[in-house]
PDB file of N, CA and C in Angstrom:
ATOM      1  N   MET A   1      -4.848 -12.803  13.142  1.00  0.00           N
ATOM      2  CA  MET A   1      -5.375 -11.450  13.094  1.00  0.00           C
ATOM      3  C   MET A   1      -6.023 -11.203  11.731  1.00  0.00           C
ATOM      4  N   LYS A   2      -7.237 -10.734  11.734  1.00  0.00           N
ATOM      5  CA  LYS A   2      -7.974 -10.480  10.500  1.00  0.00           C
ATOM      6  C   LYS A   2      -7.707  -9.051  10.030  1.00  0.00           C
ATOM      7  N   LEU A   3      -7.412  -8.895   8.735  1.00  0.00           N
ATOM      8  CA  LEU A   3      -7.172  -7.578   8.173  1.00  0.00           C
ATOM      9  C   LEU A   3      -8.496  -6.869   7.907  1.00  0.00           C
ATOM     10  N   LYS A   4      -8.550  -5.589   8.243  1.00  0.00           N
ATOM     11  CA  LYS A   4      -9.731  -4.781   7.975  1.00  0.00           C
ATOM     12  C   LYS A   4      -9.539  -4.120   6.616  1.00  0.00           C
ATOM     13  N   LYS A   5     -10.362  -4.511   5.643  1.00  0.00           N
ATOM     14  CA  LYS A   5     -10.245  -3.993   4.286  1.00  0.00           C
ATOM     15  C   LYS A   5     -11.446  -3.112   3.978  1.00  0.00           C
ATOM     16  N   ARG A   6     -11.167  -1.967   3.319  1.00  0.00           N
ATOM     17  CA  ARG A   6     -12.225  -1.026   2.959  1.00  0.00           C
ATOM     18  C   ARG A   6     -12.133  -0.705   1.468  1.00  0.00           C
ATOM     19  N   PHE A   7     -13.253  -0.607   0.806  1.00  0.00           N
ATOM     20  CA  PHE A   7     -13.262  -0.212  -0.594  1.00  0.00           C
ATOM     21  C   PHE A   7     -13.172   1.301  -0.712  1.00  0.00           C
ATOM     22  N   ILE A   8     -12.527   1.767  -1.779  1.00  0.00           N
ATOM     23  CA  ILE A   8     -12.368   3.196  -2.037  1.00  0.00           C
ATOM     24  C   ILE A   8     -13.384   3.581  -3.105  1.00  0.00           C
ATOM     25  N   ALA A   9     -14.417   4.312  -2.699  1.00  0.00           N
ATOM     26  CA  ALA A   9     -15.499   4.685  -3.618  1.00  0.00           C
ATOM     27  C   ALA A   9     -14.996   5.605  -4.725  1.00  0.00           C
ATOM     28  N   GLY A  10     -15.335   5.252  -5.962  1.00  0.00           N
ATOM     29  CA  GLY A  10     -15.001   6.092  -7.106  1.00  0.00           C
ATOM     30  C   GLY A  10     -13.588   5.938  -7.629  1.00  0.00           C
ATOM     31  N   ALA A  11     -12.755   5.137  -6.957  1.00  0.00           N
ATOM     32  CA  ALA A  11     -11.370   4.971  -7.387  1.00  0.00           C
ATOM     33  C   ALA A  11     -11.295   4.061  -8.604  1.00  0.00           C
ATOM     34  N   VAL A  12     -10.340   4.349  -9.492  1.00  0.00           N
ATOM     35  CA  VAL A  12     -10.151   3.578 -10.716  1.00  0.00           C
ATOM     36  C   VAL A  12      -8.778   2.901 -10.662  1.00  0.00           C
ATOM     37  N   CYS A  13      -8.740   1.618 -10.976  1.00  0.00           N
ATOM     38  CA  CYS A  13      -7.493   0.861 -10.981  1.00  0.00           C
ATOM     39  C   CYS A  13      -6.586   1.370 -12.102  1.00  0.00           C
ATOM     40  N   PRO A  14      -5.319   1.682 -11.807  1.00  0.00           N
ATOM     41  CA  PRO A  14      -4.419   2.177 -12.848  1.00  0.00           C
ATOM     42  C   PRO A  14      -4.026   1.107 -13.871  1.00  0.00           C
ATOM     43  N   LYS A  15      -4.232  -0.155 -13.543  1.00  0.00           N
ATOM     44  CA  LYS A  15      -3.840  -1.232 -14.453  1.00  0.00           C
ATOM     45  C   LYS A  15      -4.984  -1.659 -15.376  1.00  0.00           C
ATOM     46  N   CYS A  16      -6.167  -1.958 -14.801  1.00  0.00           N
ATOM     47  CA  CYS A  16      -7.279  -2.477 -15.620  1.00  0.00           C
ATOM     48  C   CYS A  16      -8.383  -1.445 -15.857  1.00  0.00           C
ATOM     49  N   ASN A  17      -8.271  -0.267 -15.242  1.00  0.00           N
ATOM     50  CA  ASN A  17      -9.236   0.832 -15.383  1.00  0.00           C
ATOM     51  C   ASN A  17     -10.639   0.511 -14.865  1.00  0.00           C
ATOM     52  N   ALA A  18     -10.770  -0.534 -14.040  1.00  0.00           N
ATOM     53  CA  ALA A  18     -12.066  -0.846 -13.434  1.00  0.00           C
ATOM     54  C   ALA A  18     -12.338   0.131 -12.293  1.00  0.00           C
ATOM     55  N   GLN A  19     -13.582   0.563 -12.175  1.00  0.00           N
ATOM     56  CA  GLN A  19     -13.955   1.516 -11.123  1.00  0.00           C
ATOM     57  C   GLN A  19     -14.578   0.779  -9.940  1.00  0.00           C
ATOM     58  N   ASP A  20     -14.334   1.301  -8.745  1.00  0.00           N
ATOM     59  CA  ASP A  20     -14.882   0.765  -7.489  1.00  0.00           C
ATOM     60  C   ASP A  20     -14.408  -0.664  -7.193  1.00  0.00           C
ATOM     61  N   THR A  21     -13.181  -0.988  -7.584  1.00  0.00           N
ATOM     62  CA  THR A  21     -12.647  -2.326  -7.306  1.00  0.00           C
ATOM     63  C   THR A  21     -11.423  -2.275  -6.399  1.00  0.00           C
ATOM     64  N   LEU A  22     -11.017  -1.075  -5.965  1.00  0.00           N
ATOM     65  CA  LEU A  22      -9.829  -0.946  -5.122  1.00  0.00           C
ATOM     66  C   LEU A  22     -10.185  -1.021  -3.649  1.00  0.00           C
ATOM     67  N   MET A  23      -9.447  -1.862  -2.908  1.00  0.00           N
ATOM     68  CA  MET A  23      -9.645  -1.942  -1.469  1.00  0.00           C
ATOM     69  C   MET A  23      -8.360  -1.528  -0.770  1.00  0.00           C
ATOM     70  N   LEU A  24      -8.511  -0.881   0.365  1.00  0.00           N
ATOM     71  CA  LEU A  24      -7.413  -0.343   1.152  1.00  0.00           C
ATOM     72  C   LEU A  24      -7.310  -1.114   2.451  1.00  0.00           C
ATOM     73  N   TYR A  25      -6.076  -1.474   2.843  1.00  0.00           N
ATOM     74  CA  TYR A  25      -5.873  -2.167   4.111  1.00  0.00           C
ATOM     75  C   TYR A  25      -4.462  -1.932   4.621  1.00  0.00           C
ATOM     76  N   MET A  26      -4.246  -2.202   5.905  1.00  0.00           N
ATOM     77  CA  MET A  26      -2.935  -2.061   6.537  1.00  0.00           C
ATOM     78  C   MET A  26      -2.345  -3.450   6.733  1.00  0.00           C
ATOM     79  N   GLU A  27      -1.063  -3.603   6.376  1.00  0.00           N
ATOM     80  CA  GLU A  27      -0.360  -4.863   6.575  1.00  0.00           C
ATOM     81  C   GLU A  27       1.027  -4.545   7.087  1.00  0.00           C
ATOM     82  N   ASN A  28       1.331  -4.976   8.309  1.00  0.00           N
ATOM     83  CA  ASN A  28       2.626  -4.700   8.947  1.00  0.00           C
ATOM     84  C   ASN A  28       2.943  -3.209   8.960  1.00  0.00           C
ATOM     85  N   SER A  29       1.963  -2.396   9.313  1.00  0.00           N
ATOM     86  CA  SER A  29       2.075  -0.939   9.392  1.00  0.00           C
ATOM     87  C   SER A  29       2.349  -0.279   8.051  1.00  0.00           C
ATOM     88  N   VAL A  30       2.034  -0.954   6.953  1.00  0.00           N
ATOM     89  CA  VAL A  30       2.185  -0.399   5.608  1.00  0.00           C
ATOM     90  C   VAL A  30       0.805  -0.359   4.968  1.00  0.00           C
ATOM     91  N   GLU A  31       0.444   0.812   4.430  1.00  0.00           N
ATOM     92  CA  GLU A  31      -0.847   0.969   3.778  1.00  0.00           C
ATOM     93  C   GLU A  31      -0.771   0.353   2.379  1.00  0.00           C
ATOM     94  N   LYS A  32      -1.715  -0.522   2.060  1.00  0.00           N
ATOM     95  CA  LYS A  32      -1.717  -1.196   0.763  1.00  0.00           C
ATOM     96  C   LYS A  32      -3.063  -1.033   0.083  1.00  0.00           C
ATOM     97  N   VAL A  33      -3.024  -0.982  -1.258  1.00  0.00           N
ATOM     98  CA  VAL A  33      -4.226  -0.903  -2.074  1.00  0.00           C
ATOM     99  C   VAL A  33      -4.179  -2.079  -3.038  1.00  0.00           C
ATOM    100  N   GLU A  34      -5.307  -2.786  -3.175  1.00  0.00           N
ATOM    101  CA  GLU A  34      -5.372  -3.935  -4.071  1.00  0.00           C
ATOM    102  C   GLU A  34      -6.648  -3.894  -4.894  1.00  0.00           C
ATOM    103  N   CYS A  35      -6.526  -4.203  -6.181  1.00  0.00           N
ATOM    104  CA  CYS A  35      -7.689  -4.288  -7.068  1.00  0.00           C
ATOM    105  C   CYS A  35      -8.229  -5.708  -7.009  1.00  0.00           C
ATOM    106  N   VAL A  36      -9.516  -5.854  -6.694  1.00  0.00           N
ATOM    107  CA  VAL A  36     -10.115  -7.184  -6.610  1.00  0.00           C
ATOM    108  C   VAL A  36     -10.425  -7.745  -7.998  1.00  0.00           C
ATOM    109  N   GLU A  37     -10.382  -6.903  -9.006  1.00  0.00           N
ATOM    110  CA  GLU A  37     -10.658  -7.336 -10.383  1.00  0.00           C
ATOM    111  C   GLU A  37      -9.439  -7.987 -11.031  1.00  0.00           C
ATOM    112  N   CYS A  38      -8.278  -7.301 -10.982  1.00  0.00           N
ATOM    113  CA  CYS A  38      -7.091  -7.808 -11.681  1.00  0.00           C
ATOM    114  C   CYS A  38      -5.954  -8.216 -10.752  1.00  0.00           C
ATOM    115  N   GLY A  39      -6.049  -7.880  -9.442  1.00  0.00           N
ATOM    116  CA  GLY A  39      -5.020  -8.264  -8.488  1.00  0.00           C
ATOM    117  C   GLY A  39      -3.865  -7.279  -8.363  1.00  0.00           C
ATOM    118  N   HIS A  40      -3.920  -6.152  -9.074  1.00  0.00           N
ATOM    119  CA  HIS A  40      -2.876  -5.125  -8.995  1.00  0.00           C
ATOM    120  C   HIS A  40      -2.763  -4.613  -7.559  1.00  0.00           C
ATOM    121  N   THR A  41      -1.527  -4.491  -7.048  1.00  0.00           N
ATOM    122  CA  THR A  41      -1.318  -3.986  -5.692  1.00  0.00           C
ATOM    123  C   THR A  41      -0.334  -2.830  -5.702  1.00  0.00           C
ATOM    124  N   LYS A  42      -0.481  -1.964  -4.705  1.00  0.00           N
ATOM    125  CA  LYS A  42       0.428  -0.839  -4.523  1.00  0.00           C
ATOM    126  C   LYS A  42       0.588  -0.618  -3.027  1.00  0.00           C
ATOM    127  N   SER A  43       1.822  -0.363  -2.600  1.00  0.00           N
ATOM    128  CA  SER A  43       2.114  -0.089  -1.195  1.00  0.00           C
ATOM    129  C   SER A  43       2.430   1.379  -1.023  1.00  0.00           C
ATOM    130  N   GLN A  44       1.932   1.962   0.045  1.00  0.00           N
ATOM    131  CA  GLN A  44       2.204   3.355   0.376  1.00  0.00           C
ATOM    132  C   GLN A  44       3.144   3.359   1.560  1.00  0.00           C
ATOM    133  N   THR A  45       4.413   3.696   1.327  1.00  0.00           N
ATOM    134  CA  THR A  45       5.374   3.711   2.417  1.00  0.00           C
ATOM    135  C   THR A  45       5.282   5.011   3.195  1.00  0.00           C
ATOM    136  N   ASP A  46       5.747   4.962   4.415  1.00  0.00           N
ATOM    137  CA  ASP A  46       5.789   6.142   5.267  1.00  0.00           C
ATOM    138  C   ASP A  46       6.704   7.183   4.621  1.00  0.00           C
ATOM    139  N   ALA A  47       6.330   8.450   4.656  1.00  0.00           N
ATOM    140  CA  ALA A  47       7.114   9.514   4.019  1.00  0.00           C
ATOM    141  C   ALA A  47       8.536   9.564   4.573  1.00  0.00           C
ATOM    142  N   LYS A  48       8.701   9.327   5.877  1.00  0.00           N
ATOM    143  CA  LYS A  48      10.043   9.349   6.476  1.00  0.00           C
ATOM    144  C   LYS A  48      10.903   8.225   5.926  1.00  0.00           C
ATOM    145  N   VAL A  49      10.324   7.059   5.743  1.00  0.00           N
ATOM    146  CA  VAL A  49      11.060   5.914   5.218  1.00  0.00           C
ATOM    147  C   VAL A  49      11.453   6.168   3.768  1.00  0.00           C
ATOM    148  N   GLU A  50      10.519   6.682   2.981  1.00  0.00           N
ATOM    149  CA  GLU A  50      10.788   6.952   1.569  1.00  0.00           C
ATOM    150  C   GLU A  50      11.897   7.981   1.414  1.00  0.00           C
ATOM    151  N   LYS A  51      11.848   9.044   2.214  1.00  0.00           N
ATOM    152  CA  LYS A  51      12.868  10.088   2.149  1.00  0.00           C
ATOM    153  C   LYS A  51      14.225   9.524   2.544  1.00  0.00           C
ATOM    154  N   SER A  52      14.249   8.732   3.583  1.00  0.00           N
ATOM    155  CA  SER A  52      15.491   8.135   4.058  1.00  0.00           C
ATOM    156  C   SER A  52      16.078   7.181   3.026  1.00  0.00           C
ATOM    157  N   SER A  53      15.232   6.373   2.404  1.00  0.00           N
ATOM    158  CA  SER A  53      15.731   5.382   1.449  1.00  0.00           C
ATOM    159  C   SER A  53      16.209   6.037   0.157  1.00  0.00           C
ATOM    160  N   LYS A  54      15.650   7.189  -0.204  1.00  0.00           N
ATOM    161  CA  LYS A  54      16.103   7.884  -1.404  1.00  0.00           C
ATOM    162  C   LYS A  54      17.443   8.575  -1.165  1.00  0.00           C
ATOM    163  N   SER A  55      17.661   9.088   0.031  1.00  0.00           N
ATOM    164  CA  SER A  55      18.909   9.799   0.306  1.00  0.00           C
ATOM    165  C   SER A  55      20.066   8.845   0.548  1.00  0.00           C
ATOM    166  N   SER A  56      19.780   7.668   1.041  1.00  0.00           N
ATOM    167  CA  SER A  56      20.828   6.690   1.311  1.00  0.00           C
ATOM    168  C   SER A  56      20.415   5.348   0.735  1.00  0.00           C
ATOM    169  N   GLY A  57      21.194   4.829  -0.175  1.00  0.00           N
ATOM    170  CA  GLY A  57      20.872   3.561  -0.800  1.00  0.00           C
ATOM    171  C   GLY A  57      21.210   2.372   0.070  1.00  0.00           C
ATOM    172  N   ASN A  58      21.602   2.608   1.326  1.00  0.00           N
ATOM    173  CA  ASN A  58      22.030   1.537   2.215  1.00  0.00           C
ATOM    174  C   ASN A  58      20.925   1.013   3.117  1.00  0.00           C
ATOM    175  N   VAL A  59      19.689   1.475   2.960  1.00  0.00           N
ATOM    176  CA  VAL A  59      18.601   1.044   3.827  1.00  0.00           C
ATOM    177  C   VAL A  59      18.167  -0.362   3.419  1.00  0.00           C
ATOM    178  N   ILE A  60      18.240  -1.294   4.363  1.00  0.00           N
ATOM    179  CA  ILE A  60      17.831  -2.669   4.106  1.00  0.00           C
ATOM    180  C   ILE A  60      16.411  -2.887   4.600  1.00  0.00           C
ATOM    181  N   GLY A  61      16.084  -2.355   5.749  1.00  0.00           N
ATOM    182  CA  GLY A  61      14.755  -2.537   6.315  1.00  0.00           C
ATOM    183  C   GLY A  61      14.480  -1.484   7.366  1.00  0.00           C
ATOM    184  N   LEU A  62      13.341  -1.605   7.976  1.00  0.00           N
ATOM    185  CA  LEU A  62      12.928  -0.643   8.992  1.00  0.00           C
ATOM    186  C   LEU A  62      12.611  -1.410  10.267  1.00  0.00           C
ATOM    187  N   PHE A  63      13.245  -1.044  11.349  1.00  0.00           N
ATOM    188  CA  PHE A  63      13.032  -1.700  12.627  1.00  0.00           C
ATOM    189  C   PHE A  63      12.096  -0.852  13.467  1.00  0.00           C
ATOM    190  N   LYS A  64      10.980  -1.448  13.896  1.00  0.00           N
ATOM    191  CA  LYS A  64      10.018  -0.756  14.759  1.00  0.00           C
ATOM    192  C   LYS A  64       9.879  -1.557  16.062  1.00  0.00           C
ATOM    193  N   PRO A  65      10.473  -1.087  17.142  1.00  0.00           N
ATOM    194  CA  PRO A  65      10.327  -1.796  18.418  1.00  0.00           C
ATOM    195  C   PRO A  65       8.880  -1.732  18.897  1.00  0.00           C
ATOM    196  N   GLU A  66       8.434  -2.828  19.488  1.00  0.00           N
ATOM    197  CA  GLU A  66       7.048  -2.885  19.944  1.00  0.00           C
ATOM    198  C   GLU A  66       6.960  -2.876  21.442  1.00  0.00           C
TER     199      GLU A  66
END
């Protein structure tokens, strides 16, 4: 399966400060941003997962039936 990657116009990398180098893509239902200049990556977790993991430190993973 090929990942569909899109560049974010006007975005600046928080690590190297390069502009227009960030690409956005989905991987295993997780939104990810990667800088093509320095390789910096950031994952955007689902708000429900983040809230759940902050309230309970016992979360190991997330099961999504298909």
